[in-house]
Amino acid sequence: SCVGLLLMSASIIPLGFDDSLYEKSVLDVTCMVAPWFYVVGFTLFFSSVYAKIKECIKIYSDPENHHILLVRPKSCLKLSTRLLILNCIILGLWTGLDPLVWKRQEVDGGMVLEDGTVETFGSCRGGTPSIAFALVLYLLNMIELLIATVQAFKCRFLVLEYNEMQWLPLSIFPFFEVWIIGGPILALVNEDPTVTFLLISTIVVAGVGVGGMA
């Protein structure tokens, strides 16, 4: 789970690059590195937490035969592999068919500079397929979070040795909150690169910060 949190945190770094420092070919790569880091990182983190929630569900459903919360590495690895394959297939199709690329374009109603050029801004852009792939990833992982949150809520009254059921919901629910609030806002402000960067950074830091502390 620590590796997952680190990858999610690192996804902000490539979004801060621009063409004053790097060539467009480099920026085209970094544009797709960010979603790969974030999604893969979230999958690793989520699968480790959800493996515990599944064990709690077993105790809740059949307390006579399940007394101890024991997460075997094999079961966690299976879950992580399945989720990674699913997310990586979507990310791979996105990267192959319509990857995000660095584009510099004129600001609508922007100032005319002394040399006669219009004020411009640069950002990572994709076509309609990119929007579709991002939406599929968003909905898929939101459904995973919703299922995990509901199951964790079912087990909220379980009394375990280290109070896992107090902390497990707190480690995943912040992601649900920031995604359900930040996702629609991000779709509305995507024409403003500064606001978009600040919003993405807030979503990443809020989820990783609270999830990591829990």
N, C-alpha and C. Protein backbone atom coordinates (compact mmCIF):
# COMPACT_ATOMS: atom_id res chain seq x y z
N SER A 1 0.83 -1.21 0.00
CA SER A 1 0.00 0.00 0.00
C SER A 1 0.87 1.27 0.00
N CYS A 2 2.04 1.19 0.65
CA CYS A 2 2.95 2.35 0.66
C CYS A 2 3.44 2.68 -0.76
N VAL A 3 3.73 1.63 -1.53
CA VAL A 3 4.17 1.83 -2.92
C VAL A 3 3.07 2.53 -3.71
N GLY A 4 1.83 2.10 -3.49
CA GLY A 4 0.69 2.71 -4.17
C GLY A 4 0.55 4.19 -3.83
N LEU A 5 0.68 4.53 -2.56
CA LEU A 5 0.58 5.93 -2.14
C LEU A 5 1.71 6.76 -2.74
N LEU A 6 2.91 6.19 -2.82
CA LEU A 6 4.04 6.91 -3.41
C LEU A 6 3.83 7.17 -4.90
N LEU A 7 3.30 6.16 -5.60
CA LEU A 7 3.03 6.33 -7.03
C LEU A 7 1.97 7.40 -7.27
N MET A 8 0.91 7.37 -6.46
CA MET A 8 -0.14 8.39 -6.60
C MET A 8 0.43 9.78 -6.35
N SER A 9 1.26 9.91 -5.33
CA SER A 9 1.88 11.22 -5.04
C SER A 9 2.77 11.67 -6.19
N ALA A 10 3.51 10.73 -6.77
CA ALA A 10 4.43 11.05 -7.86
C ALA A 10 3.71 11.47 -9.13
N SER A 11 2.42 11.15 -9.25
CA SER A 11 1.68 11.50 -10.47
C SER A 11 1.56 13.01 -10.67
N ILE A 12 1.73 13.78 -9.60
CA ILE A 12 1.64 15.24 -9.72
C ILE A 12 2.87 15.80 -10.44
N ILE A 13 4.02 15.17 -10.26
CA ILE A 13 5.30 15.72 -10.75
C ILE A 13 5.29 15.95 -12.26
N PRO A 14 4.92 14.93 -13.09
CA PRO A 14 4.97 15.18 -14.55
C PRO A 14 3.99 16.25 -15.02
N LEU A 15 2.93 16.50 -14.24
CA LEU A 15 1.96 17.52 -14.64
C LEU A 15 2.52 18.94 -14.50
N GLY A 16 3.62 19.07 -13.75
CA GLY A 16 4.23 20.38 -13.57
C GLY A 16 5.25 20.74 -14.63
N PHE A 17 5.52 19.83 -15.58
CA PHE A 17 6.48 20.11 -16.64
C PHE A 17 5.84 20.97 -17.73
N ASP A 18 6.63 21.80 -18.38
CA ASP A 18 6.13 22.56 -19.53
C ASP A 18 7.22 22.72 -20.58
N ASP A 19 6.87 23.37 -21.70
CA ASP A 19 7.81 23.43 -22.82
C ASP A 19 8.89 24.49 -22.67
N SER A 20 8.92 25.16 -21.53
CA SER A 20 10.05 26.06 -21.27
C SER A 20 11.26 25.27 -20.77
N LEU A 21 11.02 24.03 -20.34
CA LEU A 21 12.09 23.18 -19.81
C LEU A 21 12.36 21.95 -20.66
N TYR A 22 11.32 21.43 -21.31
CA TYR A 22 11.46 20.14 -22.00
C TYR A 22 10.90 20.23 -23.42
N GLU A 23 11.39 19.34 -24.28
CA GLU A 23 10.89 19.24 -25.65
C GLU A 23 9.48 18.66 -25.64
N LYS A 24 8.74 18.94 -26.71
CA LYS A 24 7.37 18.45 -26.82
C LYS A 24 7.31 16.92 -26.77
N SER A 25 8.31 16.26 -27.36
CA SER A 25 8.33 14.79 -27.37
C SER A 25 8.40 14.23 -25.94
N VAL A 26 9.14 14.93 -25.08
CA VAL A 26 9.23 14.51 -23.67
C VAL A 26 7.90 14.77 -22.96
N LEU A 27 7.31 15.92 -23.23
CA LEU A 27 6.05 16.29 -22.58
C LEU A 27 4.90 15.37 -23.01
N ASP A 28 4.94 14.90 -24.26
CA ASP A 28 3.92 13.95 -24.72
C ASP A 28 3.96 12.66 -23.88
N VAL A 29 5.17 12.25 -23.51
CA VAL A 29 5.32 11.05 -22.67
C VAL A 29 4.83 11.32 -21.25
N THR A 30 5.25 12.47 -20.68
CA THR A 30 4.87 12.77 -19.30
C THR A 30 3.36 12.96 -19.14
N CYS A 31 2.70 13.39 -20.21
CA CYS A 31 1.25 13.57 -20.15
C CYS A 31 0.54 12.25 -19.82
N MET A 32 1.03 11.14 -20.37
CA MET A 32 0.41 9.84 -20.10
C MET A 32 1.01 9.14 -18.88
N VAL A 33 2.22 9.59 -18.47
CA VAL A 33 2.81 9.00 -17.26
C VAL A 33 1.94 9.30 -16.03
N ALA A 34 1.38 10.50 -15.97
CA ALA A 34 0.58 10.91 -14.80
C ALA A 34 -0.60 9.98 -14.54
N PRO A 35 -1.49 9.72 -15.53
CA PRO A 35 -2.60 8.79 -15.26
C PRO A 35 -2.14 7.36 -14.96
N TRP A 36 -1.06 6.92 -15.60
CA TRP A 36 -0.53 5.58 -15.30
C TRP A 36 -0.08 5.49 -13.84
N PHE A 37 0.68 6.47 -13.38
CA PHE A 37 1.16 6.47 -11.99
C PHE A 37 -0.03 6.48 -11.02
N TYR A 38 -0.99 7.35 -11.29
CA TYR A 38 -2.10 7.50 -10.34
C TYR A 38 -2.97 6.25 -10.28
N VAL A 39 -3.36 5.73 -11.43
CA VAL A 39 -4.26 4.59 -11.46
C VAL A 39 -3.59 3.32 -10.92
N VAL A 40 -2.35 3.08 -11.35
CA VAL A 40 -1.62 1.90 -10.85
C VAL A 40 -1.38 2.03 -9.34
N GLY A 41 -1.01 3.23 -8.90
CA GLY A 41 -0.79 3.46 -7.48
C GLY A 41 -2.05 3.24 -6.67
N PHE A 42 -3.17 3.77 -7.17
CA PHE A 42 -4.44 3.57 -6.46
C PHE A 42 -4.81 2.09 -6.40
N THR A 43 -4.61 1.38 -7.49
CA THR A 43 -4.96 -0.04 -7.54
C THR A 43 -4.17 -0.84 -6.51
N LEU A 44 -2.88 -0.56 -6.40
CA LEU A 44 -2.04 -1.26 -5.41
C LEU A 44 -2.51 -0.95 -3.99
N PHE A 45 -2.79 0.33 -3.73
CA PHE A 45 -3.25 0.72 -2.40
C PHE A 45 -4.62 0.12 -2.08
N PHE A 46 -5.54 0.26 -3.03
CA PHE A 46 -6.91 -0.20 -2.80
C PHE A 46 -6.97 -1.71 -2.60
N SER A 47 -6.22 -2.46 -3.40
CA SER A 47 -6.29 -3.93 -3.30
C SER A 47 -5.81 -4.42 -1.94
N SER A 48 -4.81 -3.75 -1.36
CA SER A 48 -4.32 -4.17 -0.04
C SER A 48 -5.36 -3.88 1.04
N VAL A 49 -6.06 -2.75 0.92
CA VAL A 49 -7.10 -2.42 1.90
C VAL A 49 -8.33 -3.31 1.71
N TYR A 50 -8.71 -3.52 0.44
CA TYR A 50 -9.92 -4.31 0.17
C TYR A 50 -9.73 -5.78 0.56
N ALA A 51 -8.50 -6.29 0.50
CA ALA A 51 -8.24 -7.66 0.92
C ALA A 51 -8.60 -7.83 2.40
N LYS A 52 -8.31 -6.81 3.22
CA LYS A 52 -8.68 -6.85 4.63
C LYS A 52 -10.19 -6.76 4.82
N ILE A 53 -10.82 -5.90 4.02
CA ILE A 53 -12.28 -5.76 4.13
C ILE A 53 -12.96 -7.08 3.78
N LYS A 54 -12.46 -7.79 2.76
CA LYS A 54 -13.04 -9.09 2.40
C LYS A 54 -12.92 -10.08 3.54
N GLU A 55 -11.80 -10.07 4.24
CA GLU A 55 -11.64 -10.97 5.39
C GLU A 55 -12.60 -10.58 6.52
N CYS A 56 -12.82 -9.28 6.70
CA CYS A 56 -13.78 -8.82 7.72
C CYS A 56 -15.19 -9.28 7.37
N ILE A 57 -15.52 -9.28 6.07
CA ILE A 57 -16.84 -9.74 5.63
C ILE A 57 -17.02 -11.22 5.96
N LYS A 58 -15.94 -12.00 5.81
CA LYS A 58 -16.01 -13.43 6.16
C LYS A 58 -16.33 -13.61 7.64
N ILE A 59 -15.66 -12.83 8.49
CA ILE A 59 -15.93 -12.90 9.93
C ILE A 59 -17.35 -12.47 10.23
N TYR A 60 -17.82 -11.42 9.56
CA TYR A 60 -19.17 -10.91 9.77
C TYR A 60 -20.22 -11.92 9.32
N SER A 61 -19.97 -12.58 8.17
CA SER A 61 -20.96 -13.51 7.61
C SER A 61 -20.96 -14.86 8.31
N ASP A 62 -19.80 -15.32 8.76
CA ASP A 62 -19.69 -16.65 9.37
C ASP A 62 -18.73 -16.60 10.56
N PRO A 63 -19.16 -15.97 11.67
CA PRO A 63 -18.25 -15.79 12.81
C PRO A 63 -17.83 -17.10 13.48
N GLU A 64 -18.62 -18.15 13.30
CA GLU A 64 -18.27 -19.42 13.94
C GLU A 64 -17.02 -20.05 13.34
N ASN A 65 -16.85 -19.89 12.03
CA ASN A 65 -15.72 -20.51 11.34
C ASN A 65 -14.57 -19.54 11.06
N HIS A 66 -14.81 -18.24 11.30
CA HIS A 66 -13.76 -17.25 11.06
C HIS A 66 -13.64 -16.36 12.31
N HIS A 67 -12.56 -16.53 13.03
CA HIS A 67 -12.38 -15.77 14.27
C HIS A 67 -11.25 -14.75 14.17
N ILE A 68 -10.34 -14.95 13.24
CA ILE A 68 -9.14 -14.11 13.16
C ILE A 68 -9.07 -13.41 11.80
N LEU A 69 -8.70 -12.13 11.83
CA LEU A 69 -8.48 -11.40 10.59
C LEU A 69 -7.09 -11.73 10.06
N LEU A 70 -7.05 -12.57 9.04
CA LEU A 70 -5.78 -13.02 8.47
C LEU A 70 -5.80 -12.82 6.97
N VAL A 71 -4.97 -11.93 6.48
CA VAL A 71 -4.88 -11.67 5.05
C VAL A 71 -3.64 -12.37 4.52
N ARG A 72 -3.85 -13.39 3.73
CA ARG A 72 -2.73 -14.13 3.15
C ARG A 72 -2.18 -13.38 1.93
N PRO A 73 -0.86 -13.34 1.79
CA PRO A 73 -0.26 -12.64 0.64
C PRO A 73 -0.82 -13.14 -0.70
N LYS A 74 -1.13 -14.44 -0.78
CA LYS A 74 -1.62 -15.00 -2.04
C LYS A 74 -2.96 -14.38 -2.43
N SER A 75 -3.88 -14.25 -1.45
CA SER A 75 -5.20 -13.70 -1.76
C SER A 75 -5.09 -12.22 -2.13
N CYS A 76 -4.21 -11.48 -1.45
CA CYS A 76 -4.01 -10.06 -1.76
C CYS A 76 -3.39 -9.90 -3.15
N LEU A 77 -2.44 -10.78 -3.49
CA LEU A 77 -1.79 -10.74 -4.80
C LEU A 77 -2.77 -11.04 -5.92
N LYS A 78 -3.67 -12.01 -5.68
CA LYS A 78 -4.68 -12.35 -6.69
C LYS A 78 -5.57 -11.15 -6.99
N LEU A 79 -6.06 -10.52 -5.92
CA LEU A 79 -6.94 -9.36 -6.09
C LEU A 79 -6.22 -8.23 -6.79
N SER A 80 -5.00 -7.96 -6.35
CA SER A 80 -4.21 -6.88 -6.95
C SER A 80 -3.96 -7.14 -8.42
N THR A 81 -3.64 -8.38 -8.78
CA THR A 81 -3.36 -8.74 -10.17
C THR A 81 -4.58 -8.54 -11.05
N ARG A 82 -5.74 -8.97 -10.56
CA ARG A 82 -6.98 -8.83 -11.35
C ARG A 82 -7.30 -7.36 -11.61
N LEU A 83 -7.23 -6.55 -10.55
CA LEU A 83 -7.55 -5.13 -10.71
C LEU A 83 -6.52 -4.42 -11.58
N LEU A 84 -5.25 -4.80 -11.42
CA LEU A 84 -4.20 -4.19 -12.25
C LEU A 84 -4.40 -4.52 -13.72
N ILE A 85 -4.71 -5.79 -14.01
CA ILE A 85 -4.92 -6.19 -15.41
C ILE A 85 -6.08 -5.39 -16.02
N LEU A 86 -7.17 -5.26 -15.27
CA LEU A 86 -8.34 -4.55 -15.76
C LEU A 86 -8.01 -3.08 -16.04
N ASN A 87 -7.38 -2.42 -15.07
CA ASN A 87 -7.05 -1.01 -15.25
C ASN A 87 -5.97 -0.81 -16.31
N CYS A 88 -4.99 -1.71 -16.36
CA CYS A 88 -3.90 -1.57 -17.33
C CYS A 88 -4.37 -1.80 -18.77
N ILE A 89 -5.38 -2.64 -18.95
CA ILE A 89 -5.95 -2.83 -20.29
C ILE A 89 -6.55 -1.52 -20.78
N ILE A 90 -7.31 -0.85 -19.90
CA ILE A 90 -7.93 0.43 -20.28
C ILE A 90 -6.86 1.49 -20.51
N LEU A 91 -5.87 1.56 -19.62
CA LEU A 91 -4.78 2.51 -19.79
C LEU A 91 -3.97 2.23 -21.06
N GLY A 92 -3.75 0.95 -21.34
CA GLY A 92 -3.01 0.58 -22.54
C GLY A 92 -3.75 0.98 -23.81
N LEU A 93 -5.06 0.75 -23.85
CA LEU A 93 -5.87 1.16 -25.00
C LEU A 93 -5.85 2.67 -25.15
N TRP A 94 -5.97 3.37 -24.03
CA TRP A 94 -5.92 4.84 -24.05
C TRP A 94 -4.58 5.32 -24.62
N THR A 95 -3.48 4.75 -24.12
CA THR A 95 -2.14 5.14 -24.58
C THR A 95 -1.92 4.82 -26.05
N GLY A 96 -2.47 3.68 -26.51
CA GLY A 96 -2.25 3.26 -27.88
C GLY A 96 -3.14 3.95 -28.89
N LEU A 97 -4.39 4.26 -28.50
CA LEU A 97 -5.37 4.77 -29.46
C LEU A 97 -5.46 6.29 -29.49
N ASP A 98 -5.44 6.92 -28.32
CA ASP A 98 -5.58 8.38 -28.29
C ASP A 98 -4.89 8.95 -27.05
N PRO A 99 -3.55 8.88 -27.02
CA PRO A 99 -2.85 9.35 -25.82
C PRO A 99 -2.97 10.86 -25.64
N LEU A 100 -2.85 11.30 -24.40
CA LEU A 100 -2.76 12.73 -24.13
C LEU A 100 -1.44 13.26 -24.70
N VAL A 101 -1.49 14.42 -25.32
CA VAL A 101 -0.27 15.03 -25.88
C VAL A 101 -0.22 16.49 -25.44
N TRP A 102 0.99 17.04 -25.44
CA TRP A 102 1.19 18.43 -25.05
C TRP A 102 0.80 19.35 -26.20
N LYS A 103 -0.07 20.32 -25.90
CA LYS A 103 -0.50 21.28 -26.93
C LYS A 103 -0.43 22.69 -26.36
N ARG A 104 0.05 23.60 -27.17
CA ARG A 104 0.03 25.02 -26.80
C ARG A 104 -0.98 25.72 -27.71
N GLN A 105 -1.90 26.45 -27.10
CA GLN A 105 -2.94 27.11 -27.88
C GLN A 105 -3.20 28.51 -27.37
N GLU A 106 -3.83 29.32 -28.22
CA GLU A 106 -4.10 30.71 -27.86
C GLU A 106 -5.20 30.79 -26.81
N VAL A 107 -5.06 31.76 -25.91
CA VAL A 107 -6.08 32.02 -24.89
C VAL A 107 -7.22 32.79 -25.54
N ASP A 108 -8.46 32.33 -25.35
CA ASP A 108 -9.62 33.06 -25.87
C ASP A 108 -9.70 34.43 -25.22
N GLY A 109 -9.66 35.46 -26.03
CA GLY A 109 -9.70 36.82 -25.49
C GLY A 109 -8.42 37.22 -24.80
N GLY A 110 -7.32 36.52 -25.11
CA GLY A 110 -6.05 36.79 -24.47
C GLY A 110 -5.41 38.08 -24.95
N MET A 111 -4.44 38.56 -24.20
CA MET A 111 -3.75 39.80 -24.54
C MET A 111 -2.88 39.62 -25.80
N VAL A 112 -2.81 40.67 -26.59
CA VAL A 112 -1.90 40.69 -27.74
C VAL A 112 -0.56 41.24 -27.26
N LEU A 113 0.47 40.44 -27.44
CA LEU A 113 1.79 40.82 -26.96
C LEU A 113 2.46 41.82 -27.89
N GLU A 114 3.60 42.36 -27.48
CA GLU A 114 4.29 43.40 -28.25
C GLU A 114 4.71 42.93 -29.63
N ASP A 115 5.03 41.63 -29.75
CA ASP A 115 5.46 41.12 -31.06
C ASP A 115 4.29 40.74 -31.96
N GLY A 116 3.07 41.04 -31.50
CA GLY A 116 1.89 40.76 -32.32
C GLY A 116 1.25 39.41 -32.09
N THR A 117 1.89 38.57 -31.29
CA THR A 117 1.32 37.25 -30.99
C THR A 117 0.31 37.35 -29.85
N VAL A 118 -0.57 36.37 -29.81
CA VAL A 118 -1.60 36.34 -28.76
C VAL A 118 -1.12 35.46 -27.62
N GLU A 119 -1.53 35.81 -26.41
CA GLU A 119 -1.17 35.05 -25.21
C GLU A 119 -1.59 33.58 -25.37
N THR A 120 -0.71 32.67 -24.98
CA THR A 120 -0.99 31.24 -25.14
C THR A 120 -0.84 30.50 -23.81
N PHE A 121 -1.34 29.27 -23.80
CA PHE A 121 -1.11 28.38 -22.66
C PHE A 121 -0.90 26.97 -23.17
N GLY A 122 -0.15 26.18 -22.41
CA GLY A 122 0.11 24.79 -22.79
C GLY A 122 -0.48 23.83 -21.78
N SER A 123 -0.94 22.69 -22.26
CA SER A 123 -1.52 21.68 -21.37
C SER A 123 -1.59 20.35 -22.10
N CYS A 124 -1.85 19.29 -21.34
CA CYS A 124 -2.03 17.96 -21.93
C CYS A 124 -3.45 17.85 -22.47
N ARG A 125 -3.57 17.46 -23.73
CA ARG A 125 -4.88 17.39 -24.37
C ARG A 125 -5.06 16.06 -25.09
N GLY A 126 -6.31 15.64 -25.19
CA GLY A 126 -6.65 14.44 -25.94
C GLY A 126 -7.97 14.65 -26.64
N GLY A 127 -8.31 13.72 -27.52
CA GLY A 127 -9.57 13.82 -28.24
C GLY A 127 -10.72 13.20 -27.47
N THR A 128 -11.82 12.98 -28.17
CA THR A 128 -13.01 12.37 -27.55
C THR A 128 -12.72 10.99 -26.98
N PRO A 129 -11.94 10.13 -27.66
CA PRO A 129 -11.62 8.82 -27.06
C PRO A 129 -10.92 8.95 -25.71
N SER A 130 -10.05 9.96 -25.57
CA SER A 130 -9.36 10.16 -24.29
C SER A 130 -10.35 10.44 -23.17
N ILE A 131 -11.35 11.26 -23.48
CA ILE A 131 -12.40 11.56 -22.48
C ILE A 131 -13.14 10.28 -22.11
N ALA A 132 -13.42 9.45 -23.12
CA ALA A 132 -14.15 8.20 -22.88
C ALA A 132 -13.33 7.25 -22.01
N PHE A 133 -12.03 7.11 -22.30
CA PHE A 133 -11.18 6.22 -21.50
C PHE A 133 -11.06 6.72 -20.06
N ALA A 134 -10.89 8.04 -19.90
CA ALA A 134 -10.81 8.61 -18.55
C ALA A 134 -12.10 8.37 -17.77
N LEU A 135 -13.23 8.50 -18.47
CA LEU A 135 -14.53 8.30 -17.83
C LEU A 135 -14.73 6.85 -17.42
N VAL A 136 -14.30 5.93 -18.28
CA VAL A 136 -14.41 4.49 -17.94
C VAL A 136 -13.57 4.16 -16.71
N LEU A 137 -12.34 4.68 -16.66
CA LEU A 137 -11.47 4.46 -15.49
C LEU A 137 -12.10 5.06 -14.23
N TYR A 138 -12.66 6.24 -14.38
CA TYR A 138 -13.29 6.93 -13.24
C TYR A 138 -14.47 6.11 -12.71
N LEU A 139 -15.35 5.68 -13.59
CA LEU A 139 -16.54 4.93 -13.16
C LEU A 139 -16.17 3.56 -12.60
N LEU A 140 -15.22 2.88 -13.25
CA LEU A 140 -14.81 1.55 -12.80
C LEU A 140 -14.27 1.61 -11.37
N ASN A 141 -13.37 2.54 -11.12
CA ASN A 141 -12.76 2.63 -9.79
C ASN A 141 -13.70 3.23 -8.75
N MET A 142 -14.65 4.07 -9.19
CA MET A 142 -15.67 4.57 -8.27
C MET A 142 -16.57 3.43 -7.81
N ILE A 143 -16.91 2.52 -8.74
CA ILE A 143 -17.74 1.36 -8.37
C ILE A 143 -16.99 0.48 -7.37
N GLU A 144 -15.68 0.27 -7.63
CA GLU A 144 -14.87 -0.52 -6.68
C GLU A 144 -14.89 0.12 -5.29
N LEU A 145 -14.71 1.45 -5.26
CA LEU A 145 -14.72 2.16 -3.98
C LEU A 145 -16.07 2.06 -3.29
N LEU A 146 -17.14 2.18 -4.06
CA LEU A 146 -18.48 2.13 -3.49
C LEU A 146 -18.76 0.76 -2.88
N ILE A 147 -18.39 -0.30 -3.59
CA ILE A 147 -18.58 -1.67 -3.08
C ILE A 147 -17.78 -1.86 -1.78
N ALA A 148 -16.52 -1.42 -1.80
CA ALA A 148 -15.67 -1.58 -0.61
C ALA A 148 -16.22 -0.77 0.57
N THR A 149 -16.71 0.43 0.30
CA THR A 149 -17.25 1.28 1.37
C THR A 149 -18.49 0.66 1.99
N VAL A 150 -19.38 0.14 1.15
CA VAL A 150 -20.60 -0.51 1.65
C VAL A 150 -20.25 -1.73 2.50
N GLN A 151 -19.31 -2.54 2.03
CA GLN A 151 -18.92 -3.73 2.79
C GLN A 151 -18.25 -3.35 4.11
N ALA A 152 -17.41 -2.31 4.09
CA ALA A 152 -16.77 -1.85 5.33
C ALA A 152 -17.81 -1.32 6.31
N PHE A 153 -18.85 -0.66 5.78
CA PHE A 153 -19.93 -0.14 6.63
C PHE A 153 -20.70 -1.28 7.29
N LYS A 154 -20.88 -2.38 6.55
CA LYS A 154 -21.55 -3.55 7.12
C LYS A 154 -20.81 -4.09 8.33
N CYS A 155 -19.50 -4.04 8.28
CA CYS A 155 -18.67 -4.64 9.34
C CYS A 155 -18.27 -3.63 10.42
N ARG A 156 -18.93 -2.48 10.45
CA ARG A 156 -18.48 -1.41 11.34
C ARG A 156 -18.55 -1.79 12.83
N PHE A 157 -19.42 -2.75 13.17
CA PHE A 157 -19.57 -3.11 14.58
C PHE A 157 -18.69 -4.28 14.99
N LEU A 158 -17.89 -4.80 14.05
CA LEU A 158 -16.97 -5.87 14.42
C LEU A 158 -15.90 -5.33 15.37
N VAL A 159 -15.64 -6.07 16.43
CA VAL A 159 -14.59 -5.66 17.37
C VAL A 159 -13.37 -6.55 17.13
N LEU A 160 -12.32 -5.96 16.56
CA LEU A 160 -11.10 -6.70 16.25
C LEU A 160 -9.95 -6.16 17.10
N GLU A 161 -8.88 -6.91 17.16
CA GLU A 161 -7.81 -6.62 18.10
C GLU A 161 -7.22 -5.22 17.93
N TYR A 162 -6.98 -4.81 16.68
CA TYR A 162 -6.35 -3.52 16.45
C TYR A 162 -7.32 -2.48 15.89
N ASN A 163 -8.62 -2.69 16.12
CA ASN A 163 -9.65 -1.75 15.65
C ASN A 163 -9.56 -1.48 14.15
N GLU A 164 -9.33 -2.54 13.37
CA GLU A 164 -9.19 -2.38 11.92
C GLU A 164 -10.42 -1.72 11.29
N MET A 165 -11.62 -2.07 11.80
CA MET A 165 -12.83 -1.57 11.17
C MET A 165 -13.05 -0.09 11.44
N GLN A 166 -12.27 0.48 12.34
CA GLN A 166 -12.32 1.92 12.53
C GLN A 166 -11.49 2.63 11.46
N TRP A 167 -10.38 2.00 11.06
CA TRP A 167 -9.43 2.64 10.16
C TRP A 167 -9.61 2.26 8.69
N LEU A 168 -10.09 1.06 8.41
CA LEU A 168 -10.22 0.63 7.01
C LEU A 168 -11.17 1.54 6.22
N PRO A 169 -12.39 1.85 6.73
CA PRO A 169 -13.25 2.75 5.96
C PRO A 169 -12.62 4.14 5.78
N LEU A 170 -11.89 4.61 6.81
CA LEU A 170 -11.28 5.93 6.74
C LEU A 170 -10.16 6.00 5.71
N SER A 171 -9.59 4.85 5.36
CA SER A 171 -8.49 4.84 4.39
C SER A 171 -8.97 4.89 2.95
N ILE A 172 -10.23 4.51 2.70
CA ILE A 172 -10.73 4.51 1.32
C ILE A 172 -11.82 5.56 1.08
N PHE A 173 -12.57 5.93 2.12
CA PHE A 173 -13.67 6.87 1.92
C PHE A 173 -13.21 8.24 1.43
N PRO A 174 -12.03 8.76 1.88
CA PRO A 174 -11.57 10.05 1.35
C PRO A 174 -11.43 10.07 -0.17
N PHE A 175 -11.01 8.94 -0.75
CA PHE A 175 -10.91 8.88 -2.22
C PHE A 175 -12.29 9.01 -2.85
N PHE A 176 -13.27 8.33 -2.27
CA PHE A 176 -14.65 8.42 -2.78
C PHE A 176 -15.14 9.86 -2.73
N GLU A 177 -14.86 10.55 -1.62
CA GLU A 177 -15.31 11.93 -1.46
C GLU A 177 -14.66 12.87 -2.47
N VAL A 178 -13.33 12.82 -2.56
CA VAL A 178 -12.63 13.77 -3.45
C VAL A 178 -12.93 13.47 -4.91
N TRP A 179 -13.14 12.20 -5.26
CA TRP A 179 -13.45 11.87 -6.65
C TRP A 179 -14.86 12.33 -7.03
N ILE A 180 -15.81 12.09 -6.14
CA ILE A 180 -17.20 12.42 -6.49
C ILE A 180 -17.41 13.93 -6.54
N ILE A 181 -16.61 14.67 -5.76
CA ILE A 181 -16.70 16.14 -5.79
C ILE A 181 -15.77 16.71 -6.86
N GLY A 182 -14.53 16.23 -6.88
CA GLY A 182 -13.52 16.79 -7.77
C GLY A 182 -13.68 16.41 -9.23
N GLY A 183 -14.20 15.20 -9.49
CA GLY A 183 -14.35 14.74 -10.87
C GLY A 183 -15.19 15.67 -11.74
N PRO A 184 -16.45 15.96 -11.33
CA PRO A 184 -17.28 16.87 -12.14
C PRO A 184 -16.69 18.27 -12.25
N ILE A 185 -16.08 18.76 -11.16
CA ILE A 185 -15.47 20.10 -11.22
C ILE A 185 -14.32 20.12 -12.22
N LEU A 186 -13.54 19.05 -12.22
CA LEU A 186 -12.41 18.95 -13.14
C LEU A 186 -12.88 19.00 -14.60
N ALA A 187 -14.01 18.37 -14.88
CA ALA A 187 -14.56 18.38 -16.23
C ALA A 187 -15.00 19.78 -16.65
N LEU A 188 -15.40 20.60 -15.68
CA LEU A 188 -15.89 21.95 -15.98
C LEU A 188 -14.76 22.96 -16.18
N VAL A 189 -13.63 22.74 -15.49
CA VAL A 189 -12.56 23.76 -15.52
C VAL A 189 -11.36 23.33 -16.36
N ASN A 190 -11.52 22.29 -17.19
CA ASN A 190 -10.35 21.74 -17.89
C ASN A 190 -9.76 22.68 -18.93
N GLU A 191 -10.42 23.80 -19.22
CA GLU A 191 -9.87 24.77 -20.16
C GLU A 191 -8.87 25.71 -19.50
N ASP A 192 -8.83 25.70 -18.16
CA ASP A 192 -7.90 26.56 -17.43
C ASP A 192 -6.80 25.69 -16.84
N PRO A 193 -5.59 25.70 -17.42
CA PRO A 193 -4.53 24.78 -16.98
C PRO A 193 -4.09 24.99 -15.53
N THR A 194 -4.08 26.24 -15.08
CA THR A 194 -3.65 26.52 -13.70
C THR A 194 -4.63 25.96 -12.70
N VAL A 195 -5.91 26.23 -12.92
CA VAL A 195 -6.96 25.71 -12.02
C VAL A 195 -6.99 24.19 -12.08
N THR A 196 -6.82 23.63 -13.29
CA THR A 196 -6.83 22.17 -13.44
C THR A 196 -5.69 21.54 -12.65
N PHE A 197 -4.48 22.11 -12.76
CA PHE A 197 -3.34 21.58 -12.02
C PHE A 197 -3.56 21.66 -10.51
N LEU A 198 -4.07 22.79 -10.04
CA LEU A 198 -4.33 22.96 -8.60
C LEU A 198 -5.39 21.98 -8.11
N LEU A 199 -6.42 21.77 -8.93
CA LEU A 199 -7.49 20.85 -8.54
C LEU A 199 -7.00 19.41 -8.50
N ILE A 200 -6.25 19.01 -9.53
CA ILE A 200 -5.70 17.64 -9.54
C ILE A 200 -4.76 17.44 -8.35
N SER A 201 -3.93 18.44 -8.07
CA SER A 201 -3.02 18.34 -6.92
C SER A 201 -3.79 18.20 -5.61
N THR A 202 -4.89 18.95 -5.49
CA THR A 202 -5.72 18.86 -4.27
C THR A 202 -6.34 17.48 -4.14
N ILE A 203 -6.84 16.95 -5.26
CA ILE A 203 -7.46 15.62 -5.24
C ILE A 203 -6.43 14.56 -4.81
N VAL A 204 -5.23 14.66 -5.39
CA VAL A 204 -4.18 13.68 -5.07
C VAL A 204 -3.74 13.79 -3.61
N VAL A 205 -3.44 15.02 -3.19
CA VAL A 205 -2.92 15.23 -1.83
C VAL A 205 -3.98 14.88 -0.78
N ALA A 206 -5.23 15.27 -1.01
CA ALA A 206 -6.29 14.97 -0.04
C ALA A 206 -6.49 13.47 0.12
N GLY A 207 -6.59 12.76 -1.01
CA GLY A 207 -6.79 11.31 -0.95
C GLY A 207 -5.62 10.59 -0.33
N VAL A 208 -4.42 10.91 -0.82
CA VAL A 208 -3.21 10.22 -0.34
C VAL A 208 -2.93 10.58 1.12
N GLY A 209 -3.12 11.87 1.46
CA GLY A 209 -2.82 12.31 2.83
C GLY A 209 -3.70 11.65 3.87
N VAL A 210 -5.02 11.72 3.66
CA VAL A 210 -5.94 11.14 4.64
C VAL A 210 -5.88 9.62 4.60
N GLY A 211 -5.82 9.04 3.37
CA GLY A 211 -5.74 7.58 3.26
C GLY A 211 -4.47 7.04 3.90
N GLY A 212 -3.36 7.77 3.72
CA GLY A 212 -2.09 7.32 4.31
C GLY A 212 -2.09 7.40 5.82
N MET A 213 -2.69 8.47 6.38
CA MET A 213 -2.75 8.60 7.83
C MET A 213 -3.62 7.53 8.47
N ALA A 214 -4.70 7.14 7.73
CA ALA A 214 -5.59 6.11 8.27
C ALA A 214 -4.93 4.75 8.20
